[in-house]
PDB file of all heavy atoms in Angstrom:
ATOM      1  N   ARG A   1      35.866  28.846 -38.460  1.00  0.00           N
ATOM      2  CA  ARG A   1      36.143  29.524 -39.725  1.00  0.00           C
ATOM      3  C   ARG A   1      35.076  29.187 -40.758  1.00  0.00           C
ATOM      4  O   ARG A   1      34.361  28.163 -40.625  1.00  0.00           O
ATOM      5  CB  ARG A   1      37.493  29.066 -40.313  1.00  0.00           C
ATOM      6  CG  ARG A   1      37.618  27.636 -40.566  1.00  0.00           C
ATOM      7  CD  ARG A   1      39.078  27.310 -40.993  1.00  0.00           C
ATOM      8  NE  ARG A   1      39.253  25.865 -41.334  1.00  0.00           N
ATOM      9  CZ  ARG A   1      39.454  24.835 -40.489  1.00  0.00           C
ATOM     10  NH1 ARG A   1      39.514  25.115 -39.169  1.00  0.00           N
ATOM     11  NH2 ARG A   1      39.609  23.665 -40.923  1.00  0.00           N
ATOM     12  N   ALA A   2      34.994  30.055 -41.755  1.00  0.00           N
ATOM     13  CA  ALA A   2      34.122  29.820 -42.877  1.00  0.00           C
ATOM     14  C   ALA A   2      34.865  28.837 -43.879  1.00  0.00           C
ATOM     15  O   ALA A   2      36.084  28.905 -43.966  1.00  0.00           O
ATOM     16  CB  ALA A   2      33.816  31.065 -43.629  1.00  0.00           C
ATOM     17  N   PHE A   3      34.097  27.904 -44.464  1.00  0.00           N
ATOM     18  CA  PHE A   3      34.798  26.961 -45.340  1.00  0.00           C
ATOM     19  C   PHE A   3      33.909  26.735 -46.585  1.00  0.00           C
ATOM     20  O   PHE A   3      32.867  26.211 -46.539  1.00  0.00           O
ATOM     21  CB  PHE A   3      34.928  25.627 -44.562  1.00  0.00           C
ATOM     22  CG  PHE A   3      35.708  24.596 -45.374  1.00  0.00           C
ATOM     23  CD1 PHE A   3      36.994  24.820 -45.859  1.00  0.00           C
ATOM     24  CD2 PHE A   3      35.157  23.347 -45.606  1.00  0.00           C
ATOM     25  CE1 PHE A   3      37.666  23.884 -46.548  1.00  0.00           C
ATOM     26  CE2 PHE A   3      35.815  22.420 -46.355  1.00  0.00           C
ATOM     27  CZ  PHE A   3      37.168  22.622 -46.755  1.00  0.00           C
ATOM     28  N   PHE A   4      34.480  27.132 -47.756  1.00  0.00           N
ATOM     29  CA  PHE A   4      33.859  26.960 -49.047  1.00  0.00           C
ATOM     30  C   PHE A   4      34.878  26.379 -50.001  1.00  0.00           C
ATOM     31  O   PHE A   4      35.522  27.073 -50.779  1.00  0.00           O
ATOM     32  CB  PHE A   4      33.439  28.338 -49.612  1.00  0.00           C
ATOM     33  CG  PHE A   4      32.507  29.143 -48.712  1.00  0.00           C
ATOM     34  CD1 PHE A   4      33.035  30.237 -47.984  1.00  0.00           C
ATOM     35  CD2 PHE A   4      31.172  28.751 -48.560  1.00  0.00           C
ATOM     36  CE1 PHE A   4      32.178  30.917 -47.099  1.00  0.00           C
ATOM     37  CE2 PHE A   4      30.326  29.532 -47.763  1.00  0.00           C
ATOM     38  CZ  PHE A   4      30.873  30.612 -47.046  1.00  0.00           C
ATOM     39  N   PRO A   5      35.000  25.089 -49.918  1.00  0.00           N
ATOM     40  CA  PRO A   5      36.022  24.389 -50.806  1.00  0.00           C
ATOM     41  C   PRO A   5      35.635  24.595 -52.256  1.00  0.00           C
ATOM     42  O   PRO A   5      34.466  24.738 -52.587  1.00  0.00           O
ATOM     43  CB  PRO A   5      35.928  22.922 -50.351  1.00  0.00           C
ATOM     44  CG  PRO A   5      34.499  22.758 -49.810  1.00  0.00           C
ATOM     45  CD  PRO A   5      34.260  24.093 -49.121  1.00  0.00           C
ATOM     46  N   PRO A   6      36.696  24.593 -53.140  1.00  0.00           N
ATOM     47  CA  PRO A   6      36.446  24.728 -54.559  1.00  0.00           C
ATOM     48  C   PRO A   6      35.374  23.643 -55.061  1.00  0.00           C
ATOM     49  O   PRO A   6      35.401  22.539 -54.699  1.00  0.00           O
ATOM     50  CB  PRO A   6      37.780  24.436 -55.225  1.00  0.00           C
ATOM     51  CG  PRO A   6      38.752  24.883 -54.173  1.00  0.00           C
ATOM     52  CD  PRO A   6      38.146  24.506 -52.867  1.00  0.00           C
ATOM     53  N   GLY A   7      34.386  24.183 -55.822  1.00  0.00           N
ATOM     54  CA  GLY A   7      33.328  23.368 -56.280  1.00  0.00           C
ATOM     55  C   GLY A   7      32.012  23.613 -55.546  1.00  0.00           C
ATOM     56  O   GLY A   7      30.908  23.219 -56.004  1.00  0.00           O
ATOM     57  N   THR A   8      32.155  24.247 -54.357  1.00  0.00           N
ATOM     58  CA  THR A   8      30.951  24.629 -53.576  1.00  0.00           C
ATOM     59  C   THR A   8      30.129  25.725 -54.296  1.00  0.00           C
ATOM     60  O   THR A   8      30.733  26.657 -54.926  1.00  0.00           O
ATOM     61  CB  THR A   8      31.359  25.072 -52.193  1.00  0.00           C
ATOM     62  OG1 THR A   8      32.048  24.083 -51.543  1.00  0.00           O
ATOM     63  CG2 THR A   8      30.102  25.460 -51.341  1.00  0.00           C
ATOM     64  N   ARG A   9      28.873  25.689 -54.233  1.00  0.00           N
ATOM     65  CA  ARG A   9      27.995  26.727 -54.783  1.00  0.00           C
ATOM     66  C   ARG A   9      27.191  27.364 -53.731  1.00  0.00           C
ATOM     67  O   ARG A   9      26.795  26.744 -52.741  1.00  0.00           O
ATOM     68  CB  ARG A   9      27.027  26.072 -55.835  1.00  0.00           C
ATOM     69  CG  ARG A   9      27.773  25.451 -57.032  1.00  0.00           C
ATOM     70  CD  ARG A   9      26.776  24.654 -57.988  1.00  0.00           C
ATOM     71  NE  ARG A   9      26.109  25.573 -58.885  1.00  0.00           N
ATOM     72  CZ  ARG A   9      24.833  25.848 -58.809  1.00  0.00           C
ATOM     73  NH1 ARG A   9      24.052  25.242 -57.855  1.00  0.00           N
ATOM     74  NH2 ARG A   9      24.220  26.638 -59.680  1.00  0.00           N
ATOM     75  N   SER A  10      26.873  28.715 -53.915  1.00  0.00           N
ATOM     76  CA  SER A  10      26.079  29.464 -52.977  1.00  0.00           C
ATOM     77  C   SER A  10      25.199  30.432 -53.754  1.00  0.00           C
ATOM     78  O   SER A  10      25.713  31.026 -54.699  1.00  0.00           O
ATOM     79  CB  SER A  10      27.008  30.198 -52.011  1.00  0.00           C
ATOM     80  OG  SER A  10      26.278  30.878 -51.017  1.00  0.00           O
ATOM     81  N   PRO A  11      23.980  30.554 -53.358  1.00  0.00           N
ATOM     82  CA  PRO A  11      23.041  31.468 -54.091  1.00  0.00           C
ATOM     83  C   PRO A  11      23.574  32.890 -54.190  1.00  0.00           C
ATOM     84  O   PRO A  11      24.193  33.410 -53.244  1.00  0.00           O
ATOM     85  CB  PRO A  11      21.756  31.424 -53.254  1.00  0.00           C
ATOM     86  CG  PRO A  11      21.836  30.136 -52.507  1.00  0.00           C
ATOM     87  CD  PRO A  11      23.282  29.917 -52.276  1.00  0.00           C
ATOM     88  N   LEU A  12      23.350  33.484 -55.334  1.00  0.00           N
ATOM     89  CA  LEU A  12      23.909  34.867 -55.565  1.00  0.00           C
ATOM     90  C   LEU A  12      23.358  35.931 -54.528  1.00  0.00           C
ATOM     91  O   LEU A  12      24.056  36.724 -54.088  1.00  0.00           O
ATOM     92  CB  LEU A  12      23.485  35.316 -56.990  1.00  0.00           C
ATOM     93  CG  LEU A  12      24.198  34.618 -58.176  1.00  0.00           C
ATOM     94  CD1 LEU A  12      23.528  35.110 -59.434  1.00  0.00           C
ATOM     95  CD2 LEU A  12      25.683  34.928 -58.205  1.00  0.00           C
ATOM     96  N   HIS A  13      22.071  35.803 -54.229  1.00  0.00           N
ATOM     97  CA  HIS A  13      21.459  36.834 -53.441  1.00  0.00           C
ATOM     98  C   HIS A  13      21.828  36.829 -51.951  1.00  0.00           C
ATOM     99  O   HIS A  13      21.550  37.793 -51.214  1.00  0.00           O
ATOM    100  CB  HIS A  13      19.934  36.833 -53.545  1.00  0.00           C
ATOM    101  CG  HIS A  13      19.305  35.667 -52.874  1.00  0.00           C
ATOM    102  ND1 HIS A  13      19.399  34.399 -53.287  1.00  0.00           N
ATOM    103  CD2 HIS A  13      18.534  35.659 -51.696  1.00  0.00           C
ATOM    104  CE1 HIS A  13      18.754  33.517 -52.451  1.00  0.00           C
ATOM    105  NE2 HIS A  13      18.182  34.305 -51.475  1.00  0.00           N
ATOM    106  N   SER A  14      22.389  35.670 -51.520  1.00  0.00           N
ATOM    107  CA  SER A  14      22.719  35.603 -50.150  1.00  0.00           C
ATOM    108  C   SER A  14      24.219  35.330 -49.838  1.00  0.00           C
ATOM    109  O   SER A  14      24.574  34.744 -48.855  1.00  0.00           O
ATOM    110  CB  SER A  14      21.938  34.425 -49.493  1.00  0.00           C
ATOM    111  OG  SER A  14      22.178  33.218 -50.102  1.00  0.00           O
ATOM    112  N   SER A  15      25.095  35.708 -50.834  1.00  0.00           N
ATOM    113  CA  SER A  15      26.533  35.515 -50.662  1.00  0.00           C
ATOM    114  C   SER A  15      27.230  36.837 -51.020  1.00  0.00           C
ATOM    115  O   SER A  15      26.764  37.644 -51.806  1.00  0.00           O
ATOM    116  CB  SER A  15      27.009  34.410 -51.492  1.00  0.00           C
ATOM    117  OG  SER A  15      26.907  34.759 -52.916  1.00  0.00           O
ATOM    118  N   GLY A  16      28.407  37.006 -50.358  1.00  0.00           N
ATOM    119  CA  GLY A  16      29.131  38.274 -50.622  1.00  0.00           C
ATOM    120  C   GLY A  16      29.584  38.414 -52.045  1.00  0.00           C
ATOM    121  O   GLY A  16      29.361  39.408 -52.691  1.00  0.00           O
ATOM    122  N   ILE A  17      30.178  37.328 -52.607  1.00  0.00           N
ATOM    123  CA  ILE A  17      30.622  37.439 -54.022  1.00  0.00           C
ATOM    124  C   ILE A  17      29.428  37.552 -54.960  1.00  0.00           C
ATOM    125  O   ILE A  17      29.417  38.262 -55.922  1.00  0.00           O
ATOM    126  CB  ILE A  17      31.496  36.166 -54.383  1.00  0.00           C
ATOM    127  CG1 ILE A  17      32.858  36.279 -53.659  1.00  0.00           C
ATOM    128  CG2 ILE A  17      31.753  36.117 -55.895  1.00  0.00           C
ATOM    129  CD1 ILE A  17      33.768  35.079 -53.968  1.00  0.00           C
ATOM    130  N   GLY A  18      28.375  36.812 -54.656  1.00  0.00           N
ATOM    131  CA  GLY A  18      27.180  36.818 -55.511  1.00  0.00           C
ATOM    132  C   GLY A  18      26.633  38.228 -55.596  1.00  0.00           C
ATOM    133  O   GLY A  18      26.287  38.660 -56.665  1.00  0.00           O
ATOM    134  N   LYS A  19      26.474  38.900 -54.481  1.00  0.00           N
ATOM    135  CA  LYS A  19      25.934  40.247 -54.502  1.00  0.00           C
ATOM    136  C   LYS A  19      26.876  41.234 -55.186  1.00  0.00           C
ATOM    137  O   LYS A  19      26.435  42.236 -55.887  1.00  0.00           O
ATOM    138  CB  LYS A  19      25.565  40.718 -53.082  1.00  0.00           C
ATOM    139  CG  LYS A  19      24.376  39.919 -52.451  1.00  0.00           C
ATOM    140  CD  LYS A  19      23.765  40.636 -51.307  1.00  0.00           C
ATOM    141  CE  LYS A  19      24.727  40.854 -50.171  1.00  0.00           C
ATOM    142  NZ  LYS A  19      24.093  41.583 -49.016  1.00  0.00           N
ATOM    143  N   ALA A  20      28.172  41.022 -55.013  1.00  0.00           N
ATOM    144  CA  ALA A  20      29.089  41.926 -55.730  1.00  0.00           C
ATOM    145  C   ALA A  20      29.010  41.743 -57.272  1.00  0.00           C
ATOM    146  O   ALA A  20      29.033  42.725 -57.989  1.00  0.00           O
ATOM    147  CB  ALA A  20      30.577  41.559 -55.275  1.00  0.00           C
ATOM    148  N   LEU A  21      28.784  40.487 -57.713  1.00  0.00           N
ATOM    149  CA  LEU A  21      28.635  40.273 -59.125  1.00  0.00           C
ATOM    150  C   LEU A  21      27.281  40.847 -59.609  1.00  0.00           C
ATOM    151  O   LEU A  21      27.213  41.442 -60.664  1.00  0.00           O
ATOM    152  CB  LEU A  21      28.656  38.741 -59.464  1.00  0.00           C
ATOM    153  CG  LEU A  21      30.026  38.067 -59.230  1.00  0.00           C
ATOM    154  CD1 LEU A  21      29.926  36.607 -59.440  1.00  0.00           C
ATOM    155  CD2 LEU A  21      31.092  38.707 -60.208  1.00  0.00           C
ATOM    156  N   LEU A  22      26.221  40.655 -58.817  1.00  0.00           N
ATOM    157  CA  LEU A  22      24.935  41.239 -59.227  1.00  0.00           C
ATOM    158  C   LEU A  22      25.052  42.777 -59.314  1.00  0.00           C
ATOM    159  O   LEU A  22      24.414  43.460 -60.108  1.00  0.00           O
ATOM    160  CB  LEU A  22      23.869  40.804 -58.243  1.00  0.00           C
ATOM    161  CG  LEU A  22      23.365  39.364 -58.359  1.00  0.00           C
ATOM    162  CD1 LEU A  22      22.378  39.099 -57.168  1.00  0.00           C
ATOM    163  CD2 LEU A  22      22.724  39.048 -59.684  1.00  0.00           C
ATOM    164  N   ALA A  23      25.717  43.364 -58.326  1.00  0.00           N
ATOM    165  CA  ALA A  23      25.817  44.848 -58.290  1.00  0.00           C
ATOM    166  C   ALA A  23      26.400  45.455 -59.579  1.00  0.00           C
ATOM    167  O   ALA A  23      26.050  46.530 -59.968  1.00  0.00           O
ATOM    168  CB  ALA A  23      26.618  45.258 -57.112  1.00  0.00           C
ATOM    169  N   TYR A  24      27.262  44.668 -60.211  1.00  0.00           N
ATOM    170  CA  TYR A  24      28.028  45.167 -61.430  1.00  0.00           C
ATOM    171  C   TYR A  24      27.513  44.432 -62.658  1.00  0.00           C
ATOM    172  O   TYR A  24      28.202  44.447 -63.691  1.00  0.00           O
ATOM    173  CB  TYR A  24      29.426  45.110 -61.246  1.00  0.00           C
ATOM    174  CG  TYR A  24      29.990  46.131 -60.240  1.00  0.00           C
ATOM    175  CD1 TYR A  24      30.048  45.735 -58.883  1.00  0.00           C
ATOM    176  CD2 TYR A  24      30.300  47.406 -60.570  1.00  0.00           C
ATOM    177  CE1 TYR A  24      30.516  46.625 -57.920  1.00  0.00           C
ATOM    178  CE2 TYR A  24      30.775  48.230 -59.605  1.00  0.00           C
ATOM    179  CZ  TYR A  24      30.884  47.913 -58.312  1.00  0.00           C
ATOM    180  OH  TYR A  24      31.278  48.822 -57.378  1.00  0.00           O
ATOM    181  N   ALA A  25      26.482  43.672 -62.588  1.00  0.00           N
ATOM    182  CA  ALA A  25      25.887  43.001 -63.762  1.00  0.00           C
ATOM    183  C   ALA A  25      25.294  44.001 -64.733  1.00  0.00           C
ATOM    184  O   ALA A  25      24.859  45.063 -64.391  1.00  0.00           O
ATOM    185  CB  ALA A  25      24.827  41.975 -63.320  1.00  0.00           C
ATOM    186  N   ALA A  26      25.252  43.572 -65.989  1.00  0.00           N
ATOM    187  CA  ALA A  26      24.551  44.325 -67.028  1.00  0.00           C
ATOM    188  C   ALA A  26      23.098  44.565 -66.650  1.00  0.00           C
ATOM    189  O   ALA A  26      22.492  43.582 -66.094  1.00  0.00           O
ATOM    190  CB  ALA A  26      24.698  43.727 -68.408  1.00  0.00           C
ATOM    191  N   PRO A  27      22.537  45.723 -66.892  1.00  0.00           N
ATOM    192  CA  PRO A  27      21.125  45.950 -66.541  1.00  0.00           C
ATOM    193  C   PRO A  27      20.154  44.828 -67.007  1.00  0.00           C
ATOM    194  O   PRO A  27      19.286  44.463 -66.233  1.00  0.00           O
ATOM    195  CB  PRO A  27      20.823  47.345 -67.278  1.00  0.00           C
ATOM    196  CG  PRO A  27      22.166  47.932 -67.278  1.00  0.00           C
ATOM    197  CD  PRO A  27      23.110  46.880 -67.553  1.00  0.00           C
ATOM    198  N   ASP A  28      20.252  44.398 -68.259  1.00  0.00           N
ATOM    199  CA  ASP A  28      19.424  43.361 -68.760  1.00  0.00           C
ATOM    200  C   ASP A  28      19.519  42.028 -67.954  1.00  0.00           C
ATOM    201  O   ASP A  28      18.533  41.352 -67.659  1.00  0.00           O
ATOM    202  CB  ASP A  28      19.636  43.093 -70.246  1.00  0.00           C
ATOM    203  CG  ASP A  28      19.133  44.176 -71.126  1.00  0.00           C
ATOM    204  OD1 ASP A  28      18.389  45.046 -70.615  1.00  0.00           O
ATOM    205  OD2 ASP A  28      19.499  44.247 -72.323  1.00  0.00           O
ATOM    206  N   ALA A  29      20.802  41.692 -67.615  1.00  0.00           N
ATOM    207  CA  ALA A  29      21.088  40.438 -66.840  1.00  0.00           C
ATOM    208  C   ALA A  29      20.501  40.618 -65.442  1.00  0.00           C
ATOM    209  O   ALA A  29      19.877  39.631 -64.926  1.00  0.00           O
ATOM    210  CB  ALA A  29      22.573  40.201 -66.853  1.00  0.00           C
ATOM    211  N   LEU A  30      20.646  41.769 -64.891  1.00  0.00           N
ATOM    212  CA  LEU A  30      20.119  41.950 -63.514  1.00  0.00           C
ATOM    213  C   LEU A  30      18.597  41.877 -63.506  1.00  0.00           C
ATOM    214  O   LEU A  30      17.994  41.295 -62.624  1.00  0.00           O
ATOM    215  CB  LEU A  30      20.582  43.312 -62.989  1.00  0.00           C
ATOM    216  CG  LEU A  30      20.125  43.630 -61.540  1.00  0.00           C
ATOM    217  CD1 LEU A  30      20.591  42.501 -60.555  1.00  0.00           C
ATOM    218  CD2 LEU A  30      20.644  44.986 -61.071  1.00  0.00           C
ATOM    219  N   ARG A  31      17.889  42.566 -64.474  1.00  0.00           N
ATOM    220  CA  ARG A  31      16.452  42.444 -64.540  1.00  0.00           C
ATOM    221  C   ARG A  31      15.994  41.080 -64.761  1.00  0.00           C
ATOM    222  O   ARG A  31      14.984  40.661 -64.137  1.00  0.00           O
ATOM    223  CB  ARG A  31      15.990  43.381 -65.761  1.00  0.00           C
ATOM    224  CG  ARG A  31      15.926  44.903 -65.410  1.00  0.00           C
ATOM    225  CD  ARG A  31      15.137  45.583 -66.441  1.00  0.00           C
ATOM    226  NE  ARG A  31      15.898  45.660 -67.768  1.00  0.00           N
ATOM    227  CZ  ARG A  31      16.753  46.552 -68.072  1.00  0.00           C
ATOM    228  NH1 ARG A  31      17.031  47.575 -67.299  1.00  0.00           N
ATOM    229  NH2 ARG A  31      17.318  46.547 -69.276  1.00  0.00           N
TER     230      ARG A  31
END
C-alpha cells in the first residue's frame, strides 16, 4: 500500500494532490 503519514511532505509537481492544487492555483501563483 501507499503510506503518507500526517506530517509527510511531497513535491507539488510529482504528487496527485500537488498537481490538483497547482491546476487550480491563481495565475500569478502558478507563474
